[in-house]
Amino acid sequence: MTHHMSNRTTIALVIFMMVQAVVFGIGAVLVLATPLSNLAMTLMPFVVAASLIVSTPVAWWLAPFARAAHERMLNAREPGRSVDDQPVHGYHWS
């Protein structure tokens, strides 16, 4: 059985991991480097949950920009290639 995901979904999943790490790091620093450090054991689970929730729409929003950068790179390598020359289902559809 084969599973097909859109290119945007695949890119968003990869970006999600990086965005989630950055958001978690910012939240952890805000909790641990401020007077909130007294409540760190209580607040850190909320930081983890918030980083998961916030990272999902951010990664979904960033995915088309990452794909556009890839398209610009491909167009630089193949000057005659136009946007209309793209495969209907993306590059890795089998």
Protein backbone atom coordinates (compact mmCIF):
# COMPACT_ATOMS: atom_id res chain seq x y z
CA MET A 1 0.00 0.00 0.00
CA THR A 2 1.38 3.39 -0.95
CA HIS A 3 0.66 6.64 0.83
CA HIS A 4 0.84 9.91 -1.00
CA MET A 5 1.33 13.23 0.74
CA SER A 6 1.38 16.58 -0.94
CA ASN A 7 4.70 18.32 -1.28
CA ARG A 8 3.47 21.05 1.05
CA THR A 9 2.64 18.50 3.75
CA THR A 10 6.02 16.82 3.45
CA ILE A 11 7.89 20.12 3.58
CA ALA A 12 5.73 21.30 6.49
CA LEU A 13 6.56 18.15 8.47
CA VAL A 14 10.29 18.72 8.03
CA ILE A 15 10.00 22.42 8.87
CA PHE A 16 7.74 21.64 11.85
CA MET A 17 10.57 19.89 13.70
CA MET A 18 12.88 22.89 13.36
CA VAL A 19 10.18 25.45 14.20
CA GLN A 20 9.07 23.44 17.21
CA ALA A 21 12.64 23.31 18.53
CA VAL A 22 13.03 27.08 18.21
CA VAL A 23 9.66 27.85 19.79
CA PHE A 24 10.34 25.43 22.64
CA GLY A 25 13.77 27.01 23.20
CA ILE A 26 12.29 30.49 23.36
CA GLY A 27 9.62 29.31 25.80
CA ALA A 28 12.14 27.47 27.96
CA VAL A 29 14.39 30.52 28.17
CA LEU A 30 11.43 32.73 29.05
CA VAL A 31 10.46 30.39 31.88
CA LEU A 32 13.93 29.53 33.18
CA ALA A 33 15.65 32.93 32.87
CA THR A 34 12.93 35.01 34.52
CA PRO A 35 11.32 35.06 37.93
CA LEU A 36 9.00 32.35 36.57
CA SER A 37 11.80 29.85 37.23
CA ASN A 38 10.26 29.21 40.64
CA LEU A 39 7.31 27.66 38.79
CA ALA A 40 9.37 25.87 36.14
CA MET A 41 8.22 22.37 37.07
CA THR A 42 4.62 23.49 36.59
CA LEU A 43 5.11 25.68 33.52
CA MET A 44 7.39 23.51 31.37
CA PRO A 45 4.61 21.06 30.33
CA PHE A 46 2.65 24.09 29.15
CA VAL A 47 5.69 25.31 27.20
CA VAL A 48 5.93 21.91 25.49
CA ALA A 49 2.23 21.91 24.60
CA ALA A 50 2.28 25.52 23.43
CA SER A 51 5.31 24.87 21.23
CA LEU A 52 3.53 21.95 19.56
CA ILE A 53 0.37 24.00 18.99
CA VAL A 54 2.11 27.15 17.74
CA SER A 55 4.57 25.31 15.48
CA THR A 56 1.92 23.57 13.37
CA PRO A 57 0.43 26.65 11.64
CA VAL A 58 3.84 28.32 11.42
CA ALA A 59 5.32 25.32 9.59
CA TRP A 60 2.27 25.13 7.29
CA TRP A 61 2.70 28.85 6.51
CA LEU A 62 6.45 28.51 5.82
CA ALA A 63 6.22 25.43 3.56
CA PRO A 64 5.27 27.26 0.33
CA PHE A 65 8.16 29.67 0.81
CA ALA A 66 10.60 26.75 1.07
CA ARG A 67 9.13 25.19 -2.07
CA ALA A 68 9.34 28.53 -3.91
CA ALA A 69 13.04 28.77 -3.02
CA HIS A 70 13.54 25.27 -4.41
CA GLU A 71 11.68 26.22 -7.60
CA ARG A 72 13.88 29.30 -8.05
CA MET A 73 16.96 27.11 -7.69
CA LEU A 74 15.64 24.67 -10.31
CA ASN A 75 14.83 27.51 -12.69
CA ALA A 76 18.34 28.88 -12.28
CA ARG A 77 19.76 25.49 -13.32
CA GLU A 78 17.34 25.05 -16.23
CA PRO A 79 16.76 28.51 -17.76
CA GLY A 80 14.23 27.28 -20.35
CA ARG A 81 11.99 25.67 -17.73
CA SER A 82 8.74 27.46 -16.96
CA VAL A 83 6.21 27.06 -14.19
CA ASP A 84 3.89 25.32 -16.67
CA ASP A 85 6.50 22.58 -17.22
CA GLN A 86 6.03 21.20 -13.71
CA PRO A 87 4.57 17.73 -13.29
CA VAL A 88 0.90 17.65 -12.32
CA HIS A 89 1.46 15.72 -9.07
CA GLY A 90 4.85 17.09 -8.04
CA TYR A 91 8.31 15.72 -8.64
CA HIS A 92 8.18 12.57 -6.54
CA TRP A 93 4.78 11.19 -7.48
CA SER A 94 5.00 7.55 -8.50
